[in-house]
N, C-alpha and C. Protein backbone atom coordinates (compact mmCIF):
# COMPACT_ATOMS: atom_id res chain seq x y z
N MET A 1 -22.93 -36.77 -8.29
CA MET A 1 -22.21 -35.51 -8.35
C MET A 1 -22.81 -34.57 -7.30
N THR A 2 -21.95 -33.95 -6.51
CA THR A 2 -22.44 -33.02 -5.49
C THR A 2 -22.45 -31.60 -6.05
N GLN A 3 -23.43 -30.86 -5.59
CA GLN A 3 -23.54 -29.47 -6.04
C GLN A 3 -22.85 -28.58 -5.01
N GLN A 4 -22.07 -27.59 -5.48
CA GLN A 4 -21.39 -26.69 -4.57
C GLN A 4 -22.39 -25.74 -3.93
N ALA A 5 -22.11 -25.38 -2.68
CA ALA A 5 -22.97 -24.43 -1.98
C ALA A 5 -22.90 -23.08 -2.68
N GLN A 6 -24.02 -22.37 -2.65
CA GLN A 6 -24.05 -21.05 -3.28
C GLN A 6 -23.08 -20.13 -2.56
N ALA A 7 -22.30 -19.39 -3.31
CA ALA A 7 -21.24 -18.54 -2.76
C ALA A 7 -21.72 -17.10 -2.68
N VAL A 8 -22.61 -16.82 -1.74
CA VAL A 8 -23.11 -15.46 -1.56
C VAL A 8 -22.76 -15.00 -0.16
N ILE A 9 -22.04 -13.89 -0.08
CA ILE A 9 -21.68 -13.29 1.21
C ILE A 9 -22.19 -11.86 1.20
N ASP A 10 -23.02 -11.53 2.16
CA ASP A 10 -23.60 -10.19 2.29
C ASP A 10 -24.20 -9.69 0.97
N GLY A 11 -24.87 -10.59 0.26
CA GLY A 11 -25.53 -10.22 -0.99
C GLY A 11 -24.63 -10.18 -2.21
N VAL A 12 -23.36 -10.54 -2.06
CA VAL A 12 -22.42 -10.54 -3.18
C VAL A 12 -22.20 -11.99 -3.63
N ASP A 13 -22.55 -12.29 -4.88
CA ASP A 13 -22.34 -13.62 -5.45
C ASP A 13 -20.87 -13.74 -5.86
N LEU A 14 -20.11 -14.44 -5.04
CA LEU A 14 -18.66 -14.51 -5.25
C LEU A 14 -18.30 -15.25 -6.54
N ASP A 15 -19.03 -16.29 -6.88
CA ASP A 15 -18.72 -17.00 -8.12
C ASP A 15 -18.90 -16.09 -9.33
N ALA A 16 -19.92 -15.24 -9.31
CA ALA A 16 -20.13 -14.29 -10.42
C ALA A 16 -19.02 -13.25 -10.47
N VAL A 17 -18.57 -12.78 -9.30
CA VAL A 17 -17.48 -11.79 -9.25
C VAL A 17 -16.19 -12.42 -9.78
N VAL A 18 -15.90 -13.65 -9.35
CA VAL A 18 -14.69 -14.34 -9.82
C VAL A 18 -14.73 -14.51 -11.34
N ALA A 19 -15.87 -14.92 -11.88
CA ALA A 19 -15.98 -15.09 -13.33
C ALA A 19 -15.80 -13.76 -14.05
N ALA A 20 -16.35 -12.68 -13.50
CA ALA A 20 -16.21 -11.36 -14.13
C ALA A 20 -14.76 -10.91 -14.12
N VAL A 21 -14.05 -11.13 -13.02
CA VAL A 21 -12.64 -10.72 -12.92
C VAL A 21 -11.80 -11.53 -13.91
N ARG A 22 -12.06 -12.83 -13.99
CA ARG A 22 -11.29 -13.68 -14.90
C ARG A 22 -11.54 -13.34 -16.37
N SER A 23 -12.65 -12.66 -16.66
CA SER A 23 -12.94 -12.28 -18.05
C SER A 23 -12.19 -11.02 -18.49
N CYS A 24 -11.54 -10.35 -17.57
CA CYS A 24 -10.80 -9.12 -17.90
C CYS A 24 -9.50 -9.47 -18.63
N PRO A 25 -9.24 -8.86 -19.79
CA PRO A 25 -8.02 -9.18 -20.55
C PRO A 25 -6.73 -8.86 -19.80
N ALA A 26 -6.76 -7.90 -18.89
CA ALA A 26 -5.55 -7.49 -18.17
C ALA A 26 -5.23 -8.40 -17.00
N ILE A 27 -6.15 -9.33 -16.67
CA ILE A 27 -5.99 -10.17 -15.49
C ILE A 27 -5.71 -11.60 -15.91
N ASP A 28 -4.66 -12.20 -15.34
CA ASP A 28 -4.33 -13.59 -15.60
C ASP A 28 -5.20 -14.51 -14.75
N ASP A 29 -5.33 -14.20 -13.45
CA ASP A 29 -6.15 -14.99 -12.53
C ASP A 29 -6.23 -14.26 -11.20
N LEU A 30 -7.03 -14.79 -10.30
CA LEU A 30 -7.08 -14.25 -8.95
C LEU A 30 -5.93 -14.84 -8.15
N SER A 31 -5.57 -14.19 -7.06
CA SER A 31 -4.45 -14.61 -6.23
C SER A 31 -4.83 -14.42 -4.77
N PRO A 32 -4.40 -15.32 -3.89
CA PRO A 32 -4.70 -15.13 -2.46
C PRO A 32 -3.90 -14.00 -1.83
N GLY A 33 -3.03 -13.36 -2.57
CA GLY A 33 -2.21 -12.28 -2.03
C GLY A 33 -0.88 -12.81 -1.57
N PRO A 34 0.05 -11.89 -1.24
CA PRO A 34 1.40 -12.32 -0.90
C PRO A 34 1.48 -13.18 0.36
N TRP A 35 0.54 -13.01 1.30
CA TRP A 35 0.56 -13.80 2.53
C TRP A 35 -0.66 -14.69 2.64
N GLY A 36 -1.42 -14.83 1.56
CA GLY A 36 -2.57 -15.72 1.56
C GLY A 36 -3.76 -15.22 2.33
N GLY A 37 -3.86 -13.92 2.55
CA GLY A 37 -4.93 -13.37 3.38
C GLY A 37 -6.18 -12.95 2.63
N VAL A 38 -6.16 -12.98 1.31
CA VAL A 38 -7.33 -12.57 0.54
C VAL A 38 -8.05 -13.83 0.09
N VAL A 39 -8.91 -14.34 0.98
CA VAL A 39 -9.61 -15.59 0.76
C VAL A 39 -11.00 -15.47 1.37
N SER A 40 -11.98 -16.05 0.69
CA SER A 40 -13.32 -16.16 1.26
C SER A 40 -13.56 -17.63 1.59
N TYR A 41 -14.00 -17.89 2.81
CA TYR A 41 -14.23 -19.26 3.27
C TYR A 41 -15.72 -19.57 3.14
N LEU A 42 -15.99 -20.64 2.40
CA LEU A 42 -17.36 -21.07 2.14
C LEU A 42 -17.51 -22.51 2.62
N PRO A 43 -18.73 -22.98 2.76
CA PRO A 43 -18.90 -24.38 3.18
C PRO A 43 -18.24 -25.34 2.19
N GLY A 44 -17.23 -26.04 2.63
CA GLY A 44 -16.56 -27.04 1.81
C GLY A 44 -15.55 -26.52 0.80
N ARG A 45 -15.33 -25.22 0.73
CA ARG A 45 -14.35 -24.70 -0.22
C ARG A 45 -13.90 -23.29 0.16
N GLN A 46 -12.86 -22.86 -0.53
CA GLN A 46 -12.33 -21.51 -0.36
C GLN A 46 -12.22 -20.85 -1.73
N LEU A 47 -12.44 -19.54 -1.76
CA LEU A 47 -12.24 -18.78 -3.00
C LEU A 47 -11.08 -17.82 -2.76
N ALA A 48 -9.96 -18.09 -3.42
CA ALA A 48 -8.79 -17.23 -3.27
C ALA A 48 -8.95 -15.99 -4.13
N GLY A 49 -8.53 -14.85 -3.59
CA GLY A 49 -8.49 -13.62 -4.36
C GLY A 49 -9.66 -12.69 -4.17
N ILE A 50 -10.58 -13.02 -3.28
CA ILE A 50 -11.72 -12.13 -3.03
C ILE A 50 -12.11 -12.18 -1.56
N ARG A 51 -12.35 -10.99 -1.00
CA ARG A 51 -12.80 -10.88 0.38
C ARG A 51 -13.82 -9.75 0.45
N VAL A 52 -14.97 -10.03 1.04
CA VAL A 52 -16.06 -9.06 1.12
C VAL A 52 -16.10 -8.48 2.53
N ALA A 53 -16.14 -7.15 2.61
CA ALA A 53 -16.33 -6.44 3.87
C ALA A 53 -17.63 -5.64 3.76
N SER A 54 -18.04 -5.02 4.84
CA SER A 54 -19.31 -4.30 4.83
C SER A 54 -19.31 -3.12 3.87
N ASP A 55 -18.15 -2.47 3.67
CA ASP A 55 -18.12 -1.28 2.82
C ASP A 55 -17.27 -1.42 1.56
N HIS A 56 -16.58 -2.56 1.41
CA HIS A 56 -15.74 -2.74 0.22
C HIS A 56 -15.54 -4.22 -0.11
N VAL A 57 -15.07 -4.46 -1.31
CA VAL A 57 -14.68 -5.80 -1.74
C VAL A 57 -13.22 -5.70 -2.15
N LEU A 58 -12.38 -6.57 -1.56
CA LEU A 58 -10.97 -6.61 -1.92
C LEU A 58 -10.77 -7.75 -2.91
N ILE A 59 -10.20 -7.41 -4.05
CA ILE A 59 -9.91 -8.39 -5.10
C ILE A 59 -8.41 -8.38 -5.33
N SER A 60 -7.80 -9.55 -5.18
CA SER A 60 -6.35 -9.69 -5.35
C SER A 60 -6.11 -10.51 -6.62
N VAL A 61 -5.26 -9.99 -7.50
CA VAL A 61 -5.08 -10.62 -8.81
C VAL A 61 -3.62 -10.81 -9.18
N ARG A 62 -3.42 -11.66 -10.18
CA ARG A 62 -2.15 -11.77 -10.87
C ARG A 62 -2.40 -11.12 -12.23
N GLY A 63 -1.82 -9.94 -12.42
CA GLY A 63 -2.04 -9.19 -13.64
C GLY A 63 -1.11 -9.63 -14.75
N ARG A 64 -1.39 -9.14 -15.93
CA ARG A 64 -0.55 -9.46 -17.09
C ARG A 64 0.56 -8.41 -17.23
N TRP A 65 1.75 -8.87 -17.55
CA TRP A 65 2.91 -8.01 -17.72
C TRP A 65 2.63 -6.98 -18.82
N GLY A 66 3.04 -5.75 -18.59
CA GLY A 66 2.92 -4.70 -19.59
C GLY A 66 1.63 -3.90 -19.52
N VAL A 67 0.68 -4.33 -18.71
CA VAL A 67 -0.58 -3.60 -18.57
C VAL A 67 -0.47 -2.69 -17.34
N PRO A 68 -0.71 -1.39 -17.49
CA PRO A 68 -0.64 -0.50 -16.33
C PRO A 68 -1.67 -0.89 -15.26
N VAL A 69 -1.30 -0.70 -14.02
CA VAL A 69 -2.18 -1.05 -12.91
C VAL A 69 -3.50 -0.28 -13.00
N ALA A 70 -3.45 0.97 -13.43
CA ALA A 70 -4.68 1.76 -13.55
C ALA A 70 -5.64 1.10 -14.55
N GLU A 71 -5.10 0.52 -15.62
CA GLU A 71 -5.95 -0.17 -16.60
C GLU A 71 -6.52 -1.46 -16.01
N MET A 72 -5.72 -2.17 -15.24
CA MET A 72 -6.23 -3.37 -14.56
C MET A 72 -7.39 -3.00 -13.66
N ALA A 73 -7.20 -1.95 -12.87
CA ALA A 73 -8.24 -1.51 -11.93
C ALA A 73 -9.50 -1.09 -12.67
N ARG A 74 -9.34 -0.38 -13.77
CA ARG A 74 -10.49 0.06 -14.56
C ARG A 74 -11.28 -1.13 -15.07
N GLN A 75 -10.57 -2.11 -15.63
CA GLN A 75 -11.25 -3.29 -16.17
C GLN A 75 -11.98 -4.07 -15.08
N VAL A 76 -11.33 -4.29 -13.95
CA VAL A 76 -11.94 -5.06 -12.86
C VAL A 76 -13.14 -4.32 -12.30
N ARG A 77 -13.00 -3.04 -12.02
CA ARG A 77 -14.11 -2.28 -11.44
C ARG A 77 -15.30 -2.22 -12.39
N THR A 78 -15.04 -2.09 -13.68
CA THR A 78 -16.13 -2.08 -14.67
C THR A 78 -16.82 -3.44 -14.70
N ALA A 79 -16.05 -4.51 -14.65
CA ALA A 79 -16.61 -5.86 -14.75
C ALA A 79 -17.46 -6.24 -13.55
N VAL A 80 -17.10 -5.77 -12.35
CA VAL A 80 -17.81 -6.20 -11.14
C VAL A 80 -18.78 -5.15 -10.60
N ALA A 81 -18.87 -4.00 -11.23
CA ALA A 81 -19.68 -2.90 -10.69
C ALA A 81 -21.12 -3.31 -10.38
N GLY A 82 -21.76 -4.05 -11.25
CA GLY A 82 -23.14 -4.44 -11.02
C GLY A 82 -23.30 -5.61 -10.07
N LEU A 83 -22.20 -6.20 -9.62
CA LEU A 83 -22.26 -7.39 -8.78
C LEU A 83 -21.99 -7.14 -7.30
N VAL A 84 -21.39 -6.00 -6.97
CA VAL A 84 -20.98 -5.75 -5.58
C VAL A 84 -21.84 -4.71 -4.88
N GLY A 85 -22.83 -4.18 -5.56
CA GLY A 85 -23.70 -3.18 -4.95
C GLY A 85 -22.95 -1.87 -4.73
N PRO A 86 -23.25 -1.19 -3.62
CA PRO A 86 -22.61 0.11 -3.40
C PRO A 86 -21.20 0.03 -2.82
N ARG A 87 -20.68 -1.17 -2.66
CA ARG A 87 -19.36 -1.31 -2.06
C ARG A 87 -18.25 -0.79 -2.98
N ARG A 88 -17.22 -0.23 -2.36
CA ARG A 88 -16.01 0.18 -3.07
C ARG A 88 -15.25 -1.08 -3.48
N VAL A 89 -14.58 -1.05 -4.61
CA VAL A 89 -13.78 -2.19 -5.07
C VAL A 89 -12.31 -1.81 -4.96
N ASP A 90 -11.58 -2.52 -4.09
CA ASP A 90 -10.14 -2.32 -3.94
C ASP A 90 -9.43 -3.43 -4.69
N LEU A 91 -8.45 -3.06 -5.50
CA LEU A 91 -7.70 -4.04 -6.28
C LEU A 91 -6.28 -4.12 -5.74
N GLU A 92 -5.83 -5.35 -5.49
CA GLU A 92 -4.46 -5.62 -5.08
C GLU A 92 -3.81 -6.43 -6.18
N VAL A 93 -2.74 -5.90 -6.78
CA VAL A 93 -2.00 -6.65 -7.79
C VAL A 93 -0.89 -7.38 -7.03
N ALA A 94 -1.12 -8.66 -6.76
CA ALA A 94 -0.20 -9.44 -5.94
C ALA A 94 0.95 -10.03 -6.73
N ASP A 95 0.77 -10.16 -8.04
CA ASP A 95 1.80 -10.79 -8.86
C ASP A 95 1.57 -10.40 -10.32
N LEU A 96 2.56 -10.68 -11.15
CA LEU A 96 2.45 -10.45 -12.59
C LEU A 96 2.77 -11.74 -13.32
N ALA A 97 2.03 -12.01 -14.38
CA ALA A 97 2.26 -13.19 -15.20
C ALA A 97 3.02 -12.81 -16.46
N ASP A 98 3.69 -13.76 -17.03
CA ASP A 98 4.39 -13.59 -18.31
C ASP A 98 5.46 -12.50 -18.26
N VAL A 99 6.16 -12.41 -17.14
CA VAL A 99 7.24 -11.42 -17.03
C VAL A 99 8.40 -11.90 -17.88
N PRO A 100 8.85 -11.08 -18.83
CA PRO A 100 9.98 -11.51 -19.66
C PRO A 100 11.25 -11.66 -18.82
N GLY A 101 12.10 -12.60 -19.23
CA GLY A 101 13.32 -12.86 -18.47
C GLY A 101 14.29 -11.70 -18.46
N ASP A 102 14.21 -10.81 -19.44
CA ASP A 102 15.12 -9.68 -19.50
C ASP A 102 14.49 -8.39 -18.96
N ALA A 103 13.39 -8.52 -18.22
CA ALA A 103 12.72 -7.33 -17.67
C ALA A 103 13.62 -6.69 -16.62
N PRO A 104 13.84 -5.38 -16.72
CA PRO A 104 14.71 -4.72 -15.75
C PRO A 104 14.01 -4.59 -14.40
N ALA A 105 14.75 -4.82 -13.35
CA ALA A 105 14.22 -4.61 -12.00
C ALA A 105 14.39 -3.15 -11.66
N GLY A 106 13.33 -2.48 -11.31
CA GLY A 106 13.42 -1.08 -10.92
C GLY A 106 13.19 -0.10 -12.04
N GLY A 107 12.86 -0.57 -13.22
CA GLY A 107 12.54 0.35 -14.31
C GLY A 107 13.73 0.61 -15.20
N PRO A 108 13.50 1.38 -16.25
CA PRO A 108 14.59 1.69 -17.18
C PRO A 108 15.72 2.45 -16.48
N ARG A 109 16.92 2.26 -16.98
CA ARG A 109 18.10 2.87 -16.36
C ARG A 109 18.00 4.39 -16.25
N GLU A 110 17.41 5.05 -17.24
CA GLU A 110 17.37 6.51 -17.19
C GLU A 110 16.46 7.03 -16.08
N GLU A 111 15.60 6.16 -15.53
CA GLU A 111 14.71 6.59 -14.46
C GLU A 111 15.32 6.36 -13.07
N VAL A 112 16.40 5.62 -12.98
CA VAL A 112 17.01 5.31 -11.70
C VAL A 112 17.97 6.42 -11.33
N ARG A 113 17.69 7.08 -10.24
CA ARG A 113 18.53 8.19 -9.77
C ARG A 113 18.80 8.01 -8.28
N SER A 114 19.88 8.61 -7.80
CA SER A 114 20.15 8.56 -6.37
C SER A 114 19.34 9.64 -5.67
N TRP A 115 19.09 9.42 -4.39
CA TRP A 115 18.34 10.40 -3.61
C TRP A 115 19.24 11.59 -3.28
N PRO A 116 18.70 12.80 -3.34
CA PRO A 116 19.51 13.96 -2.94
C PRO A 116 19.76 13.91 -1.43
N THR A 117 20.90 14.42 -1.03
CA THR A 117 21.22 14.41 0.40
C THR A 117 20.50 15.55 1.11
N SER A 118 20.17 15.32 2.36
CA SER A 118 19.54 16.38 3.15
C SER A 118 20.47 16.79 4.29
N SER A 119 21.75 16.45 4.14
CA SER A 119 22.71 16.79 5.18
C SER A 119 23.05 18.28 5.11
N PRO A 120 23.57 18.83 6.23
CA PRO A 120 23.90 20.25 6.25
C PRO A 120 24.86 20.62 5.13
N GLY A 121 24.53 21.61 4.38
CA GLY A 121 25.37 22.08 3.29
C GLY A 121 25.39 21.14 2.10
N GLY A 122 24.55 20.08 2.14
CA GLY A 122 24.48 19.15 1.03
C GLY A 122 25.72 18.29 0.89
N ARG A 123 26.56 18.23 1.94
CA ARG A 123 27.78 17.44 1.88
C ARG A 123 27.47 15.98 2.21
N PRO A 124 27.94 15.04 1.42
CA PRO A 124 27.71 13.63 1.74
C PRO A 124 28.50 13.22 2.98
N GLY A 125 27.95 12.26 3.71
CA GLY A 125 28.64 11.73 4.88
C GLY A 125 28.44 12.55 6.14
N VAL A 126 27.68 13.62 6.08
CA VAL A 126 27.43 14.44 7.27
C VAL A 126 26.01 14.16 7.72
N SER A 127 25.83 13.88 8.99
CA SER A 127 24.51 13.56 9.52
C SER A 127 23.60 14.78 9.46
N SER A 128 22.35 14.54 9.08
CA SER A 128 21.39 15.64 9.05
C SER A 128 20.54 15.67 10.31
N SER A 129 20.76 14.74 11.22
CA SER A 129 19.95 14.71 12.43
C SER A 129 20.71 15.36 13.58
N ALA A 130 19.99 15.65 14.63
CA ALA A 130 20.59 16.27 15.81
C ALA A 130 21.50 15.27 16.51
N PRO A 131 22.39 15.76 17.36
CA PRO A 131 23.26 14.84 18.10
C PRO A 131 22.41 13.89 18.94
N THR A 132 22.89 12.68 19.09
CA THR A 132 22.15 11.69 19.86
C THR A 132 22.89 11.40 21.15
N THR A 133 22.13 10.97 22.13
CA THR A 133 22.69 10.61 23.43
C THR A 133 22.56 9.10 23.58
N PRO A 134 23.64 8.41 23.91
CA PRO A 134 23.54 6.97 24.10
C PRO A 134 22.50 6.64 25.17
N THR A 135 21.82 5.52 25.01
CA THR A 135 20.73 5.15 25.92
C THR A 135 21.20 5.05 27.36
N GLY A 136 22.38 4.48 27.59
CA GLY A 136 22.86 4.32 28.96
C GLY A 136 23.03 5.65 29.67
N ALA A 137 23.48 6.69 28.97
CA ALA A 137 23.70 7.99 29.58
C ALA A 137 22.38 8.71 29.85
N ALA A 138 21.31 8.32 29.18
CA ALA A 138 20.04 8.99 29.35
C ALA A 138 19.19 8.36 30.45
N THR A 139 19.65 7.25 31.02
CA THR A 139 18.89 6.58 32.08
C THR A 139 19.25 7.22 33.41
N PRO A 140 18.27 7.84 34.10
CA PRO A 140 18.57 8.49 35.38
C PRO A 140 18.83 7.47 36.48
N PRO A 141 19.59 7.87 37.51
CA PRO A 141 19.82 6.96 38.64
C PRO A 141 18.51 6.79 39.43
N PRO A 142 18.38 5.73 40.22
CA PRO A 142 17.16 5.54 41.01
C PRO A 142 16.96 6.68 42.00
N SER A 143 15.72 6.98 42.29
CA SER A 143 15.37 8.05 43.23
C SER A 143 15.72 7.63 44.65
N PRO A 144 16.26 8.56 45.47
CA PRO A 144 16.58 8.21 46.86
C PRO A 144 15.30 7.97 47.66
N LEU A 145 14.15 8.42 47.17
CA LEU A 145 12.89 8.22 47.88
C LEU A 145 12.21 6.92 47.51
N ALA A 146 12.84 6.12 46.72
CA ALA A 146 12.24 4.86 46.29
C ALA A 146 12.11 3.92 47.47
N SER A 147 11.15 3.03 47.42
CA SER A 147 10.93 2.07 48.49
C SER A 147 12.13 1.16 48.62
N PRO A 148 12.49 0.80 49.87
CA PRO A 148 13.62 -0.12 50.04
C PRO A 148 13.23 -1.50 49.52
N PRO A 149 14.20 -2.28 49.08
CA PRO A 149 13.88 -3.61 48.59
C PRO A 149 13.32 -4.49 49.70
N MET A 150 12.50 -5.45 49.32
CA MET A 150 11.93 -6.39 50.30
C MET A 150 13.07 -7.23 50.87
N THR A 151 13.04 -7.49 52.18
CA THR A 151 14.12 -8.24 52.82
C THR A 151 13.73 -9.66 53.13
N GLY A 152 12.51 -10.02 52.92
CA GLY A 152 12.09 -11.39 53.21
C GLY A 152 11.59 -11.53 54.64
N ALA A 153 11.32 -10.43 55.35
CA ALA A 153 10.79 -10.51 56.71
C ALA A 153 9.40 -11.12 56.66
N PRO A 154 9.01 -11.87 57.70
CA PRO A 154 7.70 -12.50 57.71
C PRO A 154 6.59 -11.45 57.72
N PRO A 155 5.46 -11.76 57.12
CA PRO A 155 4.34 -10.81 57.11
C PRO A 155 3.92 -10.43 58.52
N GLY A 156 3.60 -9.19 58.70
CA GLY A 156 3.15 -8.70 60.02
C GLY A 156 4.27 -8.21 60.88
N SER A 157 5.51 -8.62 60.63
CA SER A 157 6.61 -8.20 61.50
C SER A 157 6.94 -6.72 61.28
N LEU A 158 6.51 -6.14 60.19
CA LEU A 158 6.77 -4.73 59.94
C LEU A 158 5.74 -3.82 60.60
N LEU A 159 4.65 -4.39 61.07
CA LEU A 159 3.60 -3.60 61.74
C LEU A 159 3.67 -3.85 63.23
N PRO A 160 4.06 -2.83 63.99
CA PRO A 160 4.18 -3.03 65.44
C PRO A 160 2.83 -3.31 66.09
N GLY A 161 2.81 -4.16 67.04
CA GLY A 161 1.63 -4.45 67.83
C GLY A 161 0.70 -5.47 67.20
N TRP A 162 1.03 -6.02 66.14
CA TRP A 162 0.16 -7.01 65.51
C TRP A 162 0.68 -8.39 65.71
């Protein structure tokens, strides 16, 4: 049986941090994030969901449905406080577990409202921005002082006496 290499980066024991995060009731597991960028690379393995920087530790998790994000952050920060030293702990909630099939997208209906218009006089369909100029009309013609195009004359023929 081979023993895994110790997972310490800049004095932070990553295995201990991962275990502490997984012990939080509001957290289902760690997650590499939506694009897989929250990963620590160790000899022979990777730890998804944690990345250590000089001034902070980023922890990406899959939280449990129904738990407020502030509560998730409180639990994680409390659990890892003694393990990360003076570094700030940033929490990224990349996903939610146990989402009920009838969960509304966008929140309860009474909270969904349309945005107020900022058009002149509050009338819908009226632009609130200044008139625009098409790009073609805003392009000035070439300057008459511009250099003439190259004609393909041999080098030196433009300099008399050479």
